[in-house]
Amino acid sequence: MPVKTGEDCVVSIAAENALILERIHISAGSRCHIEIGTIVNLGVKMAIYLADDCSLTVGDGFACTGTVHFNAHEPKLSIRVGKGCMFSGGLIWASDMHSILDLETGARVNRGKSITIGDRVWLGHDAMVLKGVTIGSGSIIGAMSCVRRDVPPNSLVAGNPARVLRTGVEWDSRLLMLPDTMALANRAG
């Protein structure tokens, strides 16, 4: 497992993940706290970039079919991913990598903010979750969506910027098969 951390970091990864450790890449500053529960599927890799005093928590039952990036490039930010989440890859950005400054005052206008993703959230292919967002449990984020605002629980959101398309939904991780495909599978089995 490629790990580069500063001083006094705590990295806790569930023992069940032993076979996929080489696909978890960590680059963290000092005094960071990283806790990764059981991963049921990790397609390509998990890339973690944290500044000093940041934290990342990924709950048990996490699945990802592509590459997922967790980024907090400013001190004292947190990213929390709940239990049973399914990502098709994606970018989680708690901060920008460069400053945007007000020309008159010189003040920075793009401060980082922590991100919370609830339990059983399905993040579609190449979706992006931006700083300060909370995604409610049971929600579905459409492929290539850019989430800039909070998402209520059990909601379907999509677009750039993402908007709520429907509420009162849930998702099921079982693979859907077309009727013709099911008949072929039954004959083969």
C-alpha atoms as a PDB file:
ATOM      1  CA  MET A   1       0.000   0.000   0.000  1.00  0.00           C
ATOM      2  CA  PRO A   2       1.591   3.280  -1.070  1.00  0.00           C
ATOM      3  CA  VAL A   3       1.435   5.455   2.056  1.00  0.00           C
ATOM      4  CA  LYS A   4       3.138   8.776   2.684  1.00  0.00           C
ATOM      5  CA  THR A   5       2.161  10.566   5.899  1.00  0.00           C
ATOM      6  CA  GLY A   6       3.499  13.260   8.150  1.00  0.00           C
ATOM      7  CA  GLU A   7       3.972  12.912  11.898  1.00  0.00           C
ATOM      8  CA  ASP A   8       1.400  11.507  14.327  1.00  0.00           C
ATOM      9  CA  CYS A   9      -1.035  10.181  11.719  1.00  0.00           C
ATOM     10  CA  VAL A  10      -3.408   7.352  12.513  1.00  0.00           C
ATOM     11  CA  VAL A  11      -4.285   5.075   9.608  1.00  0.00           C
ATOM     12  CA  SER A  12      -6.747   2.287  10.377  1.00  0.00           C
ATOM     13  CA  ILE A  13      -7.814  -0.035   7.577  1.00  0.00           C
ATOM     14  CA  ALA A  14     -10.025  -3.077   8.177  1.00  0.00           C
ATOM     15  CA  ALA A  15      -8.057  -6.346   8.075  1.00  0.00           C
ATOM     16  CA  GLU A  16     -10.525  -7.737   5.509  1.00  0.00           C
ATOM     17  CA  ASN A  17      -9.017  -5.338   2.956  1.00  0.00           C
ATOM     18  CA  ALA A  18      -5.602  -7.081   2.952  1.00  0.00           C
ATOM     19  CA  LEU A  19      -5.891  -8.258  -0.671  1.00  0.00           C
ATOM     20  CA  ILE A  20      -6.542  -4.757  -2.046  1.00  0.00           C
ATOM     21  CA  LEU A  21      -4.114  -2.669   0.012  1.00  0.00           C
ATOM     22  CA  GLU A  22      -1.871  -1.990  -3.013  1.00  0.00           C
ATOM     23  CA  ARG A  23      -4.795  -0.114  -4.614  1.00  0.00           C
ATOM     24  CA  ILE A  24      -5.228   2.287  -1.664  1.00  0.00           C
ATOM     25  CA  HIS A  25      -2.900   5.275  -2.132  1.00  0.00           C
ATOM     26  CA  ILE A  26      -2.512   7.681   0.795  1.00  0.00           C
ATOM     27  CA  SER A  27      -0.703  11.008   0.919  1.00  0.00           C
ATOM     28  CA  ALA A  28      -1.431  12.805   4.187  1.00  0.00           C
ATOM     29  CA  GLY A  29       0.062  15.602   6.235  1.00  0.00           C
ATOM     30  CA  SER A  30       0.682  15.485   9.967  1.00  0.00           C
ATOM     31  CA  ARG A  31      -1.892  14.566  12.640  1.00  0.00           C
ATOM     32  CA  CYS A  32      -4.378  13.114  10.158  1.00  0.00           C
ATOM     33  CA  HIS A  33      -6.871  10.419  11.041  1.00  0.00           C
ATOM     34  CA  ILE A  34      -7.872   7.896   8.367  1.00  0.00           C
ATOM     35  CA  GLU A  35     -10.298   5.079   9.084  1.00  0.00           C
ATOM     36  CA  ILE A  36     -11.413   2.737   6.308  1.00  0.00           C
ATOM     37  CA  GLY A  37     -13.914  -0.019   7.046  1.00  0.00           C
ATOM     38  CA  THR A  38     -14.458  -3.155   4.993  1.00  0.00           C
ATOM     39  CA  ILE A  39     -14.368  -2.644   1.254  1.00  0.00           C
ATOM     40  CA  VAL A  40     -16.487  -5.165  -0.644  1.00  0.00           C
ATOM     41  CA  ASN A  41     -15.201  -4.060  -4.058  1.00  0.00           C
ATOM     42  CA  LEU A  42     -12.466  -1.691  -5.176  1.00  0.00           C
ATOM     43  CA  GLY A  43     -12.197  -1.554  -8.948  1.00  0.00           C
ATOM     44  CA  VAL A  44      -9.150   0.530  -9.846  1.00  0.00           C
ATOM     45  CA  LYS A  45      -7.946   2.464  -6.788  1.00  0.00           C
ATOM     46  CA  MET A  46      -8.727   4.745  -3.882  1.00  0.00           C
ATOM     47  CA  ALA A  47      -6.560   7.889  -3.812  1.00  0.00           C
ATOM     48  CA  ILE A  48      -6.480   9.923  -0.592  1.00  0.00           C
ATOM     49  CA  TYR A  49      -4.874  13.372  -0.323  1.00  0.00           C
ATOM     50  CA  LEU A  50      -5.127  15.138   3.044  1.00  0.00           C
ATOM     51  CA  ALA A  51      -3.494  18.265   4.469  1.00  0.00           C
ATOM     52  CA  ASP A  52      -2.475  18.525   8.152  1.00  0.00           C
ATOM     53  CA  ASP A  53      -5.115  17.800  10.811  1.00  0.00           C
ATOM     54  CA  CYS A  54      -7.653  16.348   8.342  1.00  0.00           C
ATOM     55  CA  SER A  55      -9.730  13.218   8.696  1.00  0.00           C
ATOM     56  CA  LEU A  56     -11.303  10.673   6.376  1.00  0.00           C
ATOM     57  CA  THR A  57     -13.765   8.006   7.452  1.00  0.00           C
ATOM     58  CA  VAL A  58     -15.154   5.395   5.049  1.00  0.00           C
ATOM     59  CA  GLY A  59     -17.776   3.103   6.576  1.00  0.00           C
ATOM     60  CA  ASP A  60     -18.076  -0.671   6.258  1.00  0.00           C
ATOM     61  CA  GLY A  61     -19.475  -2.198   3.086  1.00  0.00           C
ATOM     62  CA  PHE A  62     -17.958   0.365   0.694  1.00  0.00           C
ATOM     63  CA  ALA A  63     -17.876  -0.588  -3.000  1.00  0.00           C
ATOM     64  CA  CYS A  64     -16.294   1.235  -5.916  1.00  0.00           C
ATOM     65  CA  THR A  65     -15.987  -0.022  -9.491  1.00  0.00           C
ATOM     66  CA  GLY A  66     -13.641   2.710 -10.752  1.00  0.00           C
ATOM     67  CA  THR A  67     -11.236   5.159  -9.130  1.00  0.00           C
ATOM     68  CA  VAL A  68     -12.309   7.380  -6.260  1.00  0.00           C
ATOM     69  CA  HIS A  69     -10.348  10.444  -5.108  1.00  0.00           C
ATOM     70  CA  PHE A  70     -10.756  11.943  -1.630  1.00  0.00           C
ATOM     71  CA  ASN A  71      -9.188  15.423  -1.458  1.00  0.00           C
ATOM     72  CA  ALA A  72      -8.818  17.839   1.454  1.00  0.00           C
ATOM     73  CA  HIS A  73      -5.944  20.166   0.603  1.00  0.00           C
ATOM     74  CA  GLU A  74      -6.528  22.511   3.567  1.00  0.00           C
ATOM     75  CA  PRO A  75      -5.925  21.797   7.256  1.00  0.00           C
ATOM     76  CA  LYS A  76      -8.687  20.723   9.654  1.00  0.00           C
ATOM     77  CA  LEU A  77     -11.218  19.401   7.112  1.00  0.00           C
ATOM     78  CA  SER A  78     -13.081  16.119   7.285  1.00  0.00           C
ATOM     79  CA  ILE A  79     -14.656  13.784   4.776  1.00  0.00           C
ATOM     80  CA  ARG A  80     -17.096  11.191   6.082  1.00  0.00           C
ATOM     81  CA  VAL A  81     -18.591   8.403   3.957  1.00  0.00           C
ATOM     82  CA  GLY A  82     -21.238   6.278   5.652  1.00  0.00           C
ATOM     83  CA  LYS A  83     -21.824   2.532   5.584  1.00  0.00           C
ATOM     84  CA  GLY A  84     -22.878   0.554   2.519  1.00  0.00           C
ATOM     85  CA  CYS A  85     -22.043   3.211  -0.076  1.00  0.00           C
ATOM     86  CA  MET A  86     -21.538   2.301  -3.716  1.00  0.00           C
ATOM     87  CA  PHE A  87     -19.424   4.542  -5.941  1.00  0.00           C
ATOM     88  CA  SER A  88     -18.810   4.075  -9.662  1.00  0.00           C
ATOM     89  CA  GLY A  89     -15.717   6.213  -9.204  1.00  0.00           C
ATOM     90  CA  GLY A  90     -15.737   9.899  -8.461  1.00  0.00           C
ATOM     91  CA  LEU A  91     -14.098  12.975  -7.035  1.00  0.00           C
ATOM     92  CA  ILE A  92     -14.718  14.186  -3.492  1.00  0.00           C
ATOM     93  CA  TRP A  93     -13.286  17.724  -3.098  1.00  0.00           C
ATOM     94  CA  ALA A  94     -13.404  19.309   0.371  1.00  0.00           C
ATOM     95  CA  SER A  95     -11.176  22.142  -0.843  1.00  0.00           C
ATOM     96  CA  ASP A  96      -9.716  23.709  -3.928  1.00  0.00           C
ATOM     97  CA  MET A  97      -6.015  23.322  -4.644  1.00  0.00           C
ATOM     98  CA  HIS A  98      -5.426  27.030  -5.289  1.00  0.00           C
ATOM     99  CA  SER A  99      -6.599  30.266  -3.721  1.00  0.00           C
ATOM    100  CA  ILE A 100      -9.049  32.703  -5.263  1.00  0.00           C
ATOM    101  CA  LEU A 101      -8.441  36.202  -3.890  1.00  0.00           C
ATOM    102  CA  ASP A 102     -10.620  39.303  -3.800  1.00  0.00           C
ATOM    103  CA  LEU A 103      -8.784  41.981  -5.802  1.00  0.00           C
ATOM    104  CA  GLU A 104      -9.733  44.824  -3.437  1.00  0.00           C
ATOM    105  CA  THR A 105      -9.062  43.212  -0.083  1.00  0.00           C
ATOM    106  CA  GLY A 106      -6.716  40.355  -0.953  1.00  0.00           C
ATOM    107  CA  ALA A 107      -8.934  38.095   1.170  1.00  0.00           C
ATOM    108  CA  ARG A 108      -9.299  34.483   0.149  1.00  0.00           C
ATOM    109  CA  VAL A 109     -12.849  33.726  -1.037  1.00  0.00           C
ATOM    110  CA  ASN A 110     -12.726  29.949  -1.600  1.00  0.00           C
ATOM    111  CA  ARG A 111     -12.210  28.365   1.814  1.00  0.00           C
ATOM    112  CA  GLY A 112     -12.537  24.596   2.121  1.00  0.00           C
ATOM    113  CA  LYS A 113     -15.436  22.940   3.940  1.00  0.00           C
ATOM    114  CA  SER A 114     -15.990  19.419   5.255  1.00  0.00           C
ATOM    115  CA  ILE A 115     -18.117  16.863   3.379  1.00  0.00           C
ATOM    116  CA  THR A 116     -20.541  14.286   4.771  1.00  0.00           C
ATOM    117  CA  ILE A 117     -21.964  11.450   2.685  1.00  0.00           C
ATOM    118  CA  GLY A 118     -24.616   9.412   4.505  1.00  0.00           C
ATOM    119  CA  ASP A 119     -25.174   5.658   4.580  1.00  0.00           C
ATOM    120  CA  ARG A 120     -26.093   3.767   1.392  1.00  0.00           C
ATOM    121  CA  VAL A 121     -25.360   6.553  -1.071  1.00  0.00           C
ATOM    122  CA  TRP A 122     -24.910   5.536  -4.716  1.00  0.00           C
ATOM    123  CA  LEU A 123     -22.499   7.832  -6.540  1.00  0.00           C
ATOM    124  CA  GLY A 124     -22.729   7.419 -10.329  1.00  0.00           C
ATOM    125  CA  HIS A 125     -19.802   7.256 -12.748  1.00  0.00           C
ATOM    126  CA  ASP A 126     -17.425  10.241 -12.493  1.00  0.00           C
ATOM    127  CA  ALA A 127     -19.700  12.250 -10.206  1.00  0.00           C
ATOM    128  CA  MET A 128     -18.097  15.080  -8.256  1.00  0.00           C
ATOM    129  CA  VAL A 129     -18.998  16.146  -4.706  1.00  0.00           C
ATOM    130  CA  LEU A 130     -17.768  19.623  -3.777  1.00  0.00           C
ATOM    131  CA  LYS A 131     -16.838  21.263  -0.479  1.00  0.00           C
ATOM    132  CA  GLY A 132     -19.429  21.825   2.211  1.00  0.00           C
ATOM    133  CA  VAL A 133     -21.929  19.301   0.851  1.00  0.00           C
ATOM    134  CA  THR A 134     -23.965  16.856   2.912  1.00  0.00           C
ATOM    135  CA  ILE A 135     -25.591  14.015   0.987  1.00  0.00           C
ATOM    136  CA  GLY A 136     -28.448  12.365   2.865  1.00  0.00           C
ATOM    137  CA  SER A 137     -28.580   8.605   3.374  1.00  0.00           C
ATOM    138  CA  GLY A 138     -30.131   6.488   0.636  1.00  0.00           C
ATOM    139  CA  SER A 139     -29.566   9.061  -2.102  1.00  0.00           C
ATOM    140  CA  ILE A 140     -28.525   8.489  -5.713  1.00  0.00           C
ATOM    141  CA  ILE A 141     -26.168  10.843  -7.543  1.00  0.00           C
ATOM    142  CA  GLY A 142     -26.351  10.568 -11.347  1.00  0.00           C
ATOM    143  CA  ALA A 143     -23.315   9.898 -13.525  1.00  0.00           C
ATOM    144  CA  MET A 144     -21.066  12.921 -14.173  1.00  0.00           C
ATOM    145  CA  SER A 145     -23.105  15.105 -11.830  1.00  0.00           C
ATOM    146  CA  CYS A 146     -21.518  17.990  -9.938  1.00  0.00           C
ATOM    147  CA  VAL A 147     -23.002  18.217  -6.430  1.00  0.00           C
ATOM    148  CA  ARG A 148     -22.594  21.745  -5.029  1.00  0.00           C
ATOM    149  CA  ARG A 149     -25.518  21.821  -2.584  1.00  0.00           C
ATOM    150  CA  ASP A 150     -26.868  19.524   0.113  1.00  0.00           C
ATOM    151  CA  VAL A 151     -28.936  16.533  -1.013  1.00  0.00           C
ATOM    152  CA  PRO A 152     -31.944  15.419   1.073  1.00  0.00           C
ATOM    153  CA  PRO A 153     -32.099  11.752   2.150  1.00  0.00           C
ATOM    154  CA  ASN A 154     -33.533   9.277  -0.361  1.00  0.00           C
ATOM    155  CA  SER A 155     -33.266  11.680  -3.282  1.00  0.00           C
ATOM    156  CA  LEU A 156     -32.228  11.257  -6.901  1.00  0.00           C
ATOM    157  CA  VAL A 157     -30.061  14.131  -8.153  1.00  0.00           C
ATOM    158  CA  ALA A 158     -28.303  14.650 -11.469  1.00  0.00           C
ATOM    159  CA  GLY A 159     -26.789  17.323 -13.679  1.00  0.00           C
ATOM    160  CA  ASN A 160     -24.179  20.041 -13.561  1.00  0.00           C
ATOM    161  CA  PRO A 161     -24.983  21.589 -11.219  1.00  0.00           C
ATOM    162  CA  ALA A 162     -26.865  18.650  -9.736  1.00  0.00           C
ATOM    163  CA  ARG A 163     -30.514  19.237  -8.900  1.00  0.00           C
ATOM    164  CA  VAL A 164     -33.123  17.088  -7.197  1.00  0.00           C
ATOM    165  CA  LEU A 165     -35.088  15.133  -9.797  1.00  0.00           C
ATOM    166  CA  ARG A 166     -37.073  13.005  -7.386  1.00  0.00           C
ATOM    167  CA  THR A 167     -37.467  12.378  -3.650  1.00  0.00           C
ATOM    168  CA  GLY A 168     -38.753   9.348  -1.754  1.00  0.00           C
ATOM    169  CA  VAL A 169     -36.574   6.824  -3.622  1.00  0.00           C
ATOM    170  CA  GLU A 170     -34.194   4.048  -2.639  1.00  0.00           C
ATOM    171  CA  TRP A 171     -31.768   1.907  -4.597  1.00  0.00           C
ATOM    172  CA  ASP A 172     -30.974  -1.787  -4.821  1.00  0.00           C
ATOM    173  CA  SER A 173     -27.480  -3.049  -5.623  1.00  0.00           C
ATOM    174  CA  ARG A 174     -28.623  -6.279  -7.238  1.00  0.00           C
ATOM    175  CA  LEU A 175     -27.688  -6.484 -10.908  1.00  0.00           C
ATOM    176  CA  LEU A 176     -30.596  -5.944 -13.258  1.00  0.00           C
ATOM    177  CA  MET A 177     -30.950  -8.399 -16.118  1.00  0.00           C
ATOM    178  CA  LEU A 178     -33.082  -8.083 -19.219  1.00  0.00           C
ATOM    179  CA  PRO A 179     -35.731 -10.842 -19.637  1.00  0.00           C
ATOM    180  CA  ASP A 180     -33.829 -12.454 -22.558  1.00  0.00           C
ATOM    181  CA  THR A 181     -30.592 -12.453 -20.562  1.00  0.00           C
ATOM    182  CA  MET A 182     -32.365 -14.001 -17.550  1.00  0.00           C
ATOM    183  CA  ALA A 183     -33.707 -16.844 -19.715  1.00  0.00           C
ATOM    184  CA  LEU A 184     -30.205 -17.563 -21.056  1.00  0.00           C
ATOM    185  CA  ALA A 185     -28.736 -17.467 -17.545  1.00  0.00           C
ATOM    186  CA  ASN A 186     -31.386 -19.883 -16.261  1.00  0.00           C
ATOM    187  CA  ARG A 187     -30.711 -22.366 -19.118  1.00  0.00           C
ATOM    188  CA  ALA A 188     -26.951 -22.187 -18.532  1.00  0.00           C
ATOM    189  CA  GLY A 189     -27.267 -22.679 -14.766  1.00  0.00           C
END
